[in-house]
Amino acid sequence: MQYTTLCYLECGNSYLMLHRVKKEHDLNQGKWLGIGGKFQDAESPEDCVLRECFEETGLTLTEYRYRGLVTFVSNEAPTEYMHLFTASAWTGAPHPCDEGELAWIEKAALRSLPLWEGDHIFLDLLEQNAPFFSLKLRYEGERLVEAFLNGTQIR
């Protein structure tokens, strides 16, 4: 079991995205993701998202919102509890990331990039400004086989 955060930094109609192309043996190899990573001991979700965003981008979040909890169940990896955030303000200057290439991607173009299938579901929820949600995604390999939103099956 692992605990992670993921944050979508939003500027106008774009999100800051990370194209995971630098690490060998990366479960997310080739995918586009928001910014985030694994909890360290004694961190809260907020502690983790602030640290991970700074480490990966050089930016210090000043306005952010906890949007939901996404539970990933996979036949190939341990269950992951991902705390999902969006951010609308920060300070600092971006720096290169050792996990991939950072790029501002227009929201309208995002769906055409290589994403995990379930990411489309929570990106839609973010765009709809849905209230805090719990989303469970069950994968077999890279294929999404089930999705539950607030306990109700949606796929």
N, C-alpha and C. Protein backbone atom coordinates (compact mmCIF):
# COMPACT_ATOMS: atom_id res chain seq x y z
N MET A 1 0.84 -1.16 0.00
CA MET A 1 0.00 0.00 0.00
C MET A 1 0.90 1.24 0.00
N GLN A 2 0.51 2.23 -0.79
CA GLN A 2 1.28 3.46 -0.79
C GLN A 2 0.36 4.67 -0.84
N TYR A 3 0.86 5.78 -0.29
CA TYR A 3 0.12 7.04 -0.23
C TYR A 3 0.87 8.07 -1.05
N THR A 4 0.13 8.74 -1.94
CA THR A 4 0.75 9.72 -2.83
C THR A 4 -0.13 10.96 -2.94
N THR A 5 0.44 12.00 -3.55
CA THR A 5 -0.32 13.18 -3.91
C THR A 5 -0.14 13.41 -5.41
N LEU A 6 -1.10 14.13 -5.98
CA LEU A 6 -1.02 14.57 -7.37
C LEU A 6 -1.65 15.95 -7.42
N CYS A 7 -0.98 16.88 -8.09
CA CYS A 7 -1.49 18.25 -8.15
C CYS A 7 -1.47 18.74 -9.60
N TYR A 8 -2.54 19.38 -9.99
CA TYR A 8 -2.63 20.04 -11.29
C TYR A 8 -2.52 21.53 -11.06
N LEU A 9 -1.35 22.11 -11.42
CA LEU A 9 -1.15 23.55 -11.35
C LEU A 9 -1.83 24.16 -12.56
N GLU A 10 -2.72 25.10 -12.30
CA GLU A 10 -3.58 25.63 -13.35
C GLU A 10 -3.24 27.09 -13.62
N CYS A 11 -3.00 27.41 -14.89
CA CYS A 11 -2.74 28.78 -15.32
C CYS A 11 -3.59 29.02 -16.56
N GLY A 12 -4.63 29.84 -16.43
CA GLY A 12 -5.55 30.05 -17.55
C GLY A 12 -6.21 28.76 -17.95
N ASN A 13 -6.07 28.39 -19.21
CA ASN A 13 -6.68 27.16 -19.73
C ASN A 13 -5.67 26.02 -19.83
N SER A 14 -4.60 26.08 -19.04
CA SER A 14 -3.55 25.06 -19.12
C SER A 14 -3.22 24.49 -17.75
N TYR A 15 -2.69 23.26 -17.77
CA TYR A 15 -2.15 22.62 -16.58
C TYR A 15 -0.66 22.40 -16.80
N LEU A 16 0.11 22.50 -15.71
CA LEU A 16 1.51 22.11 -15.77
C LEU A 16 1.57 20.60 -15.65
N MET A 17 2.11 19.96 -16.67
CA MET A 17 2.14 18.50 -16.73
C MET A 17 3.57 18.00 -16.79
N LEU A 18 3.74 16.76 -16.34
CA LEU A 18 5.04 16.10 -16.34
C LEU A 18 4.97 14.91 -17.29
N HIS A 19 5.80 14.94 -18.34
CA HIS A 19 5.89 13.81 -19.26
C HIS A 19 6.97 12.89 -18.73
N ARG A 20 6.55 11.72 -18.24
CA ARG A 20 7.46 10.80 -17.54
C ARG A 20 8.33 10.05 -18.56
N VAL A 21 9.51 10.58 -18.82
CA VAL A 21 10.39 9.99 -19.83
C VAL A 21 11.82 9.79 -19.35
N LYS A 22 12.14 10.10 -18.08
CA LYS A 22 13.54 10.08 -17.66
C LYS A 22 13.94 8.90 -16.78
N LYS A 23 13.00 8.26 -16.10
CA LYS A 23 13.35 7.19 -15.17
C LYS A 23 13.19 5.82 -15.83
N GLU A 24 14.17 4.95 -15.58
CA GLU A 24 14.04 3.57 -16.07
C GLU A 24 13.08 2.80 -15.17
N HIS A 25 12.41 1.82 -15.74
CA HIS A 25 11.49 0.95 -14.99
C HIS A 25 10.41 1.77 -14.28
N ASP A 26 9.89 2.77 -14.96
CA ASP A 26 8.87 3.67 -14.42
C ASP A 26 7.49 3.14 -14.82
N LEU A 27 6.66 2.84 -13.83
CA LEU A 27 5.29 2.40 -14.10
C LEU A 27 4.55 3.40 -14.97
N ASN A 28 4.91 4.68 -14.87
CA ASN A 28 4.25 5.75 -15.63
C ASN A 28 5.02 6.15 -16.88
N GLN A 29 5.98 5.33 -17.32
CA GLN A 29 6.82 5.65 -18.47
C GLN A 29 5.98 6.08 -19.67
N GLY A 30 6.30 7.26 -20.22
CA GLY A 30 5.64 7.75 -21.43
C GLY A 30 4.33 8.46 -21.17
N LYS A 31 3.80 8.39 -19.96
CA LYS A 31 2.51 9.01 -19.64
C LYS A 31 2.72 10.48 -19.23
N TRP A 32 1.66 11.25 -19.36
CA TRP A 32 1.61 12.63 -18.88
C TRP A 32 0.84 12.64 -17.58
N LEU A 33 1.41 13.25 -16.55
CA LEU A 33 0.81 13.28 -15.21
C LEU A 33 0.88 14.70 -14.66
N GLY A 34 0.08 14.92 -13.62
CA GLY A 34 0.25 16.13 -12.83
C GLY A 34 1.52 15.99 -12.01
N ILE A 35 1.71 16.89 -11.05
CA ILE A 35 2.91 16.93 -10.24
C ILE A 35 2.63 16.25 -8.90
N GLY A 36 3.53 15.39 -8.44
CA GLY A 36 3.29 14.76 -7.14
C GLY A 36 4.23 13.62 -6.88
N GLY A 37 3.93 12.89 -5.81
CA GLY A 37 4.76 11.76 -5.45
C GLY A 37 4.36 11.15 -4.13
N LYS A 38 5.26 10.34 -3.58
CA LYS A 38 4.98 9.54 -2.39
C LYS A 38 5.16 10.34 -1.10
N PHE A 39 4.32 10.01 -0.13
CA PHE A 39 4.42 10.58 1.21
C PHE A 39 5.74 10.17 1.86
N GLN A 40 6.29 11.05 2.67
CA GLN A 40 7.36 10.71 3.58
C GLN A 40 6.75 10.54 4.97
N ASP A 41 7.50 9.93 5.87
CA ASP A 41 7.02 9.69 7.22
C ASP A 41 6.52 10.98 7.87
N ALA A 42 5.36 10.90 8.51
CA ALA A 42 4.75 11.97 9.29
C ALA A 42 4.20 13.11 8.45
N GLU A 43 4.15 12.97 7.11
CA GLU A 43 3.58 14.03 6.28
C GLU A 43 2.07 13.91 6.19
N SER A 44 1.40 15.04 6.15
CA SER A 44 -0.01 15.12 5.81
C SER A 44 -0.11 15.21 4.28
N PRO A 45 -1.31 15.05 3.71
CA PRO A 45 -1.43 15.26 2.27
C PRO A 45 -0.93 16.64 1.84
N GLU A 46 -1.22 17.66 2.64
CA GLU A 46 -0.80 19.01 2.30
C GLU A 46 0.72 19.14 2.36
N ASP A 47 1.35 18.56 3.39
CA ASP A 47 2.82 18.59 3.48
C ASP A 47 3.44 17.95 2.24
N CYS A 48 2.89 16.80 1.86
CA CYS A 48 3.44 16.05 0.74
C CYS A 48 3.29 16.82 -0.57
N VAL A 49 2.12 17.37 -0.83
CA VAL A 49 1.92 18.06 -2.11
C VAL A 49 2.81 19.30 -2.20
N LEU A 50 2.97 20.02 -1.09
CA LEU A 50 3.84 21.19 -1.11
C LEU A 50 5.29 20.80 -1.38
N ARG A 51 5.77 19.75 -0.69
CA ARG A 51 7.15 19.31 -0.89
C ARG A 51 7.38 18.79 -2.29
N GLU A 52 6.48 17.91 -2.76
CA GLU A 52 6.65 17.31 -4.09
C GLU A 52 6.60 18.37 -5.19
N CYS A 53 5.68 19.32 -5.08
CA CYS A 53 5.60 20.37 -6.10
C CYS A 53 6.89 21.19 -6.12
N PHE A 54 7.42 21.51 -4.95
CA PHE A 54 8.66 22.28 -4.91
C PHE A 54 9.82 21.46 -5.48
N GLU A 55 9.94 20.17 -5.07
CA GLU A 55 11.04 19.34 -5.54
C GLU A 55 11.00 19.15 -7.06
N GLU A 56 9.80 18.92 -7.61
CA GLU A 56 9.70 18.60 -9.04
C GLU A 56 9.69 19.83 -9.94
N THR A 57 9.26 20.99 -9.40
CA THR A 57 9.11 22.16 -10.27
C THR A 57 9.90 23.38 -9.83
N GLY A 58 10.28 23.47 -8.55
CA GLY A 58 10.89 24.68 -8.03
C GLY A 58 9.87 25.71 -7.60
N LEU A 59 8.59 25.39 -7.68
CA LEU A 59 7.51 26.32 -7.34
C LEU A 59 6.97 26.03 -5.95
N THR A 60 6.66 27.08 -5.20
CA THR A 60 6.05 26.96 -3.88
C THR A 60 4.58 27.33 -4.00
N LEU A 61 3.70 26.37 -3.76
CA LEU A 61 2.26 26.63 -3.88
C LEU A 61 1.81 27.61 -2.80
N THR A 62 1.01 28.60 -3.21
CA THR A 62 0.46 29.57 -2.26
C THR A 62 -1.07 29.50 -2.19
N GLU A 63 -1.70 28.96 -3.23
CA GLU A 63 -3.15 28.72 -3.23
C GLU A 63 -3.39 27.36 -3.86
N TYR A 64 -3.96 26.46 -3.05
CA TYR A 64 -4.23 25.12 -3.55
C TYR A 64 -5.48 24.59 -2.86
N ARG A 65 -6.05 23.55 -3.45
CA ARG A 65 -7.31 22.99 -2.96
C ARG A 65 -7.25 21.47 -3.02
N TYR A 66 -7.62 20.83 -1.93
CA TYR A 66 -7.71 19.36 -1.85
C TYR A 66 -9.02 18.96 -2.52
N ARG A 67 -8.94 18.20 -3.61
CA ARG A 67 -10.12 17.94 -4.43
C ARG A 67 -10.74 16.56 -4.26
N GLY A 68 -9.92 15.56 -3.91
CA GLY A 68 -10.49 14.23 -3.79
C GLY A 68 -9.44 13.18 -3.46
N LEU A 69 -9.94 11.98 -3.21
CA LEU A 69 -9.10 10.81 -2.94
C LEU A 69 -9.35 9.80 -4.05
N VAL A 70 -8.27 9.37 -4.70
CA VAL A 70 -8.37 8.39 -5.77
C VAL A 70 -7.65 7.12 -5.30
N THR A 71 -8.38 6.01 -5.28
CA THR A 71 -7.82 4.72 -4.89
C THR A 71 -7.56 3.91 -6.14
N PHE A 72 -6.29 3.56 -6.36
CA PHE A 72 -5.91 2.74 -7.51
C PHE A 72 -5.69 1.32 -7.03
N VAL A 73 -6.41 0.39 -7.64
CA VAL A 73 -6.24 -1.03 -7.36
C VAL A 73 -5.75 -1.67 -8.66
N SER A 74 -4.67 -2.44 -8.56
CA SER A 74 -4.06 -3.01 -9.76
C SER A 74 -3.64 -4.44 -9.50
N ASN A 75 -3.68 -5.23 -10.56
CA ASN A 75 -3.17 -6.60 -10.45
C ASN A 75 -1.65 -6.63 -10.61
N GLU A 76 -1.01 -5.47 -10.84
CA GLU A 76 0.43 -5.43 -11.07
C GLU A 76 1.20 -4.56 -10.07
N ALA A 77 0.49 -3.86 -9.18
CA ALA A 77 1.17 -2.95 -8.25
C ALA A 77 0.37 -2.89 -6.96
N PRO A 78 1.02 -2.45 -5.86
CA PRO A 78 0.29 -2.30 -4.60
C PRO A 78 -0.82 -1.24 -4.73
N THR A 79 -1.83 -1.36 -3.91
CA THR A 79 -2.91 -0.37 -3.89
C THR A 79 -2.32 1.00 -3.54
N GLU A 80 -2.79 2.01 -4.24
CA GLU A 80 -2.30 3.37 -4.04
C GLU A 80 -3.47 4.28 -3.67
N TYR A 81 -3.27 5.08 -2.64
CA TYR A 81 -4.24 6.09 -2.22
C TYR A 81 -3.66 7.45 -2.59
N MET A 82 -4.22 8.04 -3.65
CA MET A 82 -3.68 9.29 -4.18
C MET A 82 -4.58 10.46 -3.78
N HIS A 83 -3.98 11.44 -3.11
CA HIS A 83 -4.69 12.64 -2.67
C HIS A 83 -4.54 13.67 -3.79
N LEU A 84 -5.67 14.09 -4.35
CA LEU A 84 -5.68 14.93 -5.56
C LEU A 84 -5.91 16.40 -5.21
N PHE A 85 -5.06 17.25 -5.76
CA PHE A 85 -5.12 18.69 -5.52
C PHE A 85 -5.12 19.45 -6.84
N THR A 86 -5.60 20.70 -6.77
CA THR A 86 -5.35 21.68 -7.83
C THR A 86 -4.71 22.89 -7.16
N ALA A 87 -3.94 23.64 -7.93
CA ALA A 87 -3.30 24.85 -7.41
C ALA A 87 -3.51 25.98 -8.41
N SER A 88 -3.74 27.18 -7.86
CA SER A 88 -3.99 28.33 -8.73
C SER A 88 -2.97 29.45 -8.53
N ALA A 89 -2.07 29.33 -7.55
CA ALA A 89 -1.06 30.36 -7.34
C ALA A 89 0.18 29.74 -6.70
N TRP A 90 1.32 30.33 -7.02
CA TRP A 90 2.61 29.85 -6.52
C TRP A 90 3.64 30.95 -6.68
N THR A 91 4.78 30.73 -6.05
CA THR A 91 5.91 31.64 -6.20
C THR A 91 7.11 30.82 -6.65
N GLY A 92 8.15 31.51 -7.13
CA GLY A 92 9.36 30.84 -7.54
C GLY A 92 9.47 30.72 -9.05
N ALA A 93 10.55 30.12 -9.48
CA ALA A 93 10.82 29.92 -10.90
C ALA A 93 10.96 28.43 -11.17
N PRO A 94 10.35 27.95 -12.24
CA PRO A 94 10.44 26.51 -12.52
C PRO A 94 11.86 26.10 -12.87
N HIS A 95 12.18 24.87 -12.49
CA HIS A 95 13.47 24.28 -12.85
C HIS A 95 13.23 22.93 -13.49
N PRO A 96 14.23 22.37 -14.19
CA PRO A 96 14.06 21.06 -14.81
C PRO A 96 13.77 19.99 -13.75
N CYS A 97 13.02 18.98 -14.15
CA CYS A 97 12.64 17.88 -13.27
C CYS A 97 13.41 16.63 -13.65
N ASP A 98 13.91 15.90 -12.65
CA ASP A 98 14.69 14.70 -12.96
C ASP A 98 13.81 13.49 -13.28
N GLU A 99 12.48 13.64 -13.23
CA GLU A 99 11.58 12.52 -13.52
C GLU A 99 10.97 12.60 -14.92
N GLY A 100 11.11 13.76 -15.57
CA GLY A 100 10.53 13.92 -16.89
C GLY A 100 10.59 15.37 -17.34
N GLU A 101 9.87 15.66 -18.40
CA GLU A 101 9.84 17.00 -18.98
C GLU A 101 8.56 17.71 -18.55
N LEU A 102 8.71 18.91 -18.00
CA LEU A 102 7.57 19.73 -17.61
C LEU A 102 7.10 20.56 -18.80
N ALA A 103 5.78 20.69 -18.95
CA ALA A 103 5.22 21.51 -20.03
C ALA A 103 3.82 21.98 -19.65
N TRP A 104 3.51 23.21 -20.05
CA TRP A 104 2.14 23.71 -19.89
C TRP A 104 1.33 23.16 -21.05
N ILE A 105 0.26 22.44 -20.74
CA ILE A 105 -0.58 21.80 -21.75
C ILE A 105 -1.99 22.37 -21.65
N GLU A 106 -2.52 22.83 -22.79
CA GLU A 106 -3.89 23.33 -22.79
C GLU A 106 -4.84 22.19 -22.43
N LYS A 107 -5.82 22.51 -21.59
CA LYS A 107 -6.77 21.50 -21.13
C LYS A 107 -7.45 20.81 -22.31
N ALA A 108 -7.76 21.56 -23.36
CA ALA A 108 -8.44 20.98 -24.52
C ALA A 108 -7.56 19.95 -25.24
N ALA A 109 -6.24 20.08 -25.14
CA ALA A 109 -5.32 19.16 -25.82
C ALA A 109 -4.90 17.99 -24.94
N LEU A 110 -5.14 18.10 -23.65
CA LEU A 110 -4.65 17.11 -22.70
C LEU A 110 -5.16 15.71 -22.99
N ARG A 111 -6.42 15.57 -23.35
CA ARG A 111 -7.02 14.25 -23.54
C ARG A 111 -6.40 13.48 -24.72
N SER A 112 -5.71 14.18 -25.62
CA SER A 112 -5.10 13.51 -26.77
C SER A 112 -3.71 12.95 -26.46
N LEU A 113 -3.19 13.26 -25.27
CA LEU A 113 -1.87 12.77 -24.87
C LEU A 113 -1.98 11.42 -24.17
N PRO A 114 -0.88 10.68 -24.07
CA PRO A 114 -0.92 9.41 -23.35
C PRO A 114 -1.16 9.64 -21.85
N LEU A 115 -2.34 9.26 -21.39
CA LEU A 115 -2.75 9.36 -19.98
C LEU A 115 -3.22 7.99 -19.53
N TRP A 116 -3.23 7.78 -18.23
CA TRP A 116 -3.93 6.61 -17.70
C TRP A 116 -5.42 6.81 -17.98
N GLU A 117 -6.11 5.73 -18.30
CA GLU A 117 -7.53 5.80 -18.67
C GLU A 117 -8.37 6.47 -17.58
N GLY A 118 -8.10 6.14 -16.32
CA GLY A 118 -8.87 6.71 -15.23
C GLY A 118 -8.63 8.19 -15.01
N ASP A 119 -7.48 8.70 -15.49
CA ASP A 119 -7.20 10.14 -15.35
C ASP A 119 -8.28 10.97 -16.04
N HIS A 120 -8.82 10.46 -17.12
CA HIS A 120 -9.89 11.18 -17.83
C HIS A 120 -11.08 11.41 -16.89
N ILE A 121 -11.37 10.44 -16.04
CA ILE A 121 -12.51 10.57 -15.13
C ILE A 121 -12.27 11.69 -14.13
N PHE A 122 -11.10 11.67 -13.45
CA PHE A 122 -10.92 12.72 -12.45
C PHE A 122 -10.61 14.07 -13.06
N LEU A 123 -10.04 14.11 -14.26
CA LEU A 123 -9.88 15.41 -14.94
C LEU A 123 -11.25 16.01 -15.25
N ASP A 124 -12.21 15.17 -15.66
CA ASP A 124 -13.58 15.66 -15.88
C ASP A 124 -14.17 16.21 -14.59
N LEU A 125 -13.96 15.50 -13.48
CA LEU A 125 -14.49 15.96 -12.19
C LEU A 125 -13.86 17.30 -11.80
N LEU A 126 -12.57 17.48 -12.05
CA LEU A 126 -11.93 18.76 -11.77
C LEU A 126 -12.53 19.87 -12.63
N GLU A 127 -12.71 19.58 -13.91
CA GLU A 127 -13.26 20.59 -14.83
C GLU A 127 -14.70 20.96 -14.47
N GLN A 128 -15.44 20.00 -13.93
CA GLN A 128 -16.83 20.26 -13.51
C GLN A 128 -16.89 20.92 -12.14
N ASN A 129 -15.71 21.14 -11.52
CA ASN A 129 -15.64 21.70 -10.17
C ASN A 129 -16.48 20.88 -9.19
N ALA A 130 -16.39 19.55 -9.33
CA ALA A 130 -17.15 18.64 -8.47
C ALA A 130 -16.73 18.84 -7.01
N PRO A 131 -17.66 18.65 -6.08
CA PRO A 131 -17.27 18.71 -4.66
C PRO A 131 -16.31 17.56 -4.35
N PHE A 132 -15.68 17.62 -3.17
CA PHE A 132 -14.72 16.60 -2.76
C PHE A 132 -15.27 15.21 -3.07
N PHE A 133 -14.46 14.36 -3.68
CA PHE A 133 -14.95 13.06 -4.12
C PHE A 133 -13.98 11.95 -3.76
N SER A 134 -14.53 10.73 -3.76
CA SER A 134 -13.75 9.51 -3.62
C SER A 134 -13.95 8.72 -4.91
N LEU A 135 -12.86 8.40 -5.57
CA LEU A 135 -12.90 7.68 -6.83
C LEU A 135 -12.02 6.44 -6.69
N LYS A 136 -12.60 5.28 -6.98
CA LYS A 136 -11.84 4.02 -6.95
C LYS A 136 -11.71 3.53 -8.38
N LEU A 137 -10.47 3.28 -8.80
CA LEU A 137 -10.18 2.80 -10.15
C LEU A 137 -9.48 1.45 -10.04
N ARG A 138 -10.02 0.46 -10.73
CA ARG A 138 -9.40 -0.87 -10.72
C ARG A 138 -8.87 -1.19 -12.11
N TYR A 139 -7.57 -1.49 -12.14
CA TYR A 139 -6.88 -1.77 -13.40
C TYR A 139 -6.45 -3.23 -13.47
N GLU A 140 -6.45 -3.74 -14.69
CA GLU A 140 -5.76 -4.98 -15.03
C GLU A 140 -4.73 -4.58 -16.07
N GLY A 141 -3.46 -4.59 -15.67
CA GLY A 141 -2.42 -4.02 -16.53
C GLY A 141 -2.69 -2.54 -16.68
N GLU A 142 -2.72 -2.07 -17.92
CA GLU A 142 -3.02 -0.66 -18.17
C GLU A 142 -4.49 -0.43 -18.51
N ARG A 143 -5.30 -1.47 -18.41
CA ARG A 143 -6.72 -1.36 -18.79
C ARG A 143 -7.58 -1.12 -17.55
N LEU A 144 -8.36 -0.05 -17.60
CA LEU A 144 -9.31 0.25 -16.53
C LEU A 144 -10.50 -0.69 -16.66
N VAL A 145 -10.78 -1.47 -15.61
CA VAL A 145 -11.87 -2.44 -15.68
C VAL A 145 -13.07 -2.05 -14.84
N GLU A 146 -12.87 -1.21 -13.82
CA GLU A 146 -13.98 -0.75 -12.99
C GLU A 146 -13.65 0.63 -12.45
N ALA A 147 -14.71 1.43 -12.25
CA ALA A 147 -14.57 2.73 -11.62
C ALA A 147 -15.79 2.97 -10.74
N PHE A 148 -15.55 3.47 -9.53
CA PHE A 148 -16.60 3.79 -8.57
C PHE A 148 -16.43 5.23 -8.11
N LEU A 149 -17.47 6.04 -8.22
CA LEU A 149 -17.44 7.41 -7.76
C LEU A 149 -18.32 7.52 -6.53
N ASN A 150 -17.73 7.89 -5.41
CA ASN A 150 -18.44 7.99 -4.13
C ASN A 150 -19.24 6.73 -3.85
N GLY A 151 -18.64 5.56 -4.16
CA GLY A 151 -19.24 4.27 -3.85
C GLY A 151 -20.18 3.72 -4.91
N THR A 152 -20.48 4.51 -5.94
CA THR A 152 -21.41 4.07 -7.00
C THR A 152 -20.62 3.71 -8.25
N GLN A 153 -20.86 2.51 -8.78
CA GLN A 153 -20.13 2.09 -9.97
C GLN A 153 -20.53 2.96 -11.15
N ILE A 154 -19.50 3.49 -11.84
CA ILE A 154 -19.75 4.31 -13.03
C ILE A 154 -19.16 3.68 -14.27
N ARG A 155 -18.45 2.55 -14.06
CA ARG A 155 -17.88 1.84 -15.20
C ARG A 155 -17.66 0.38 -14.84
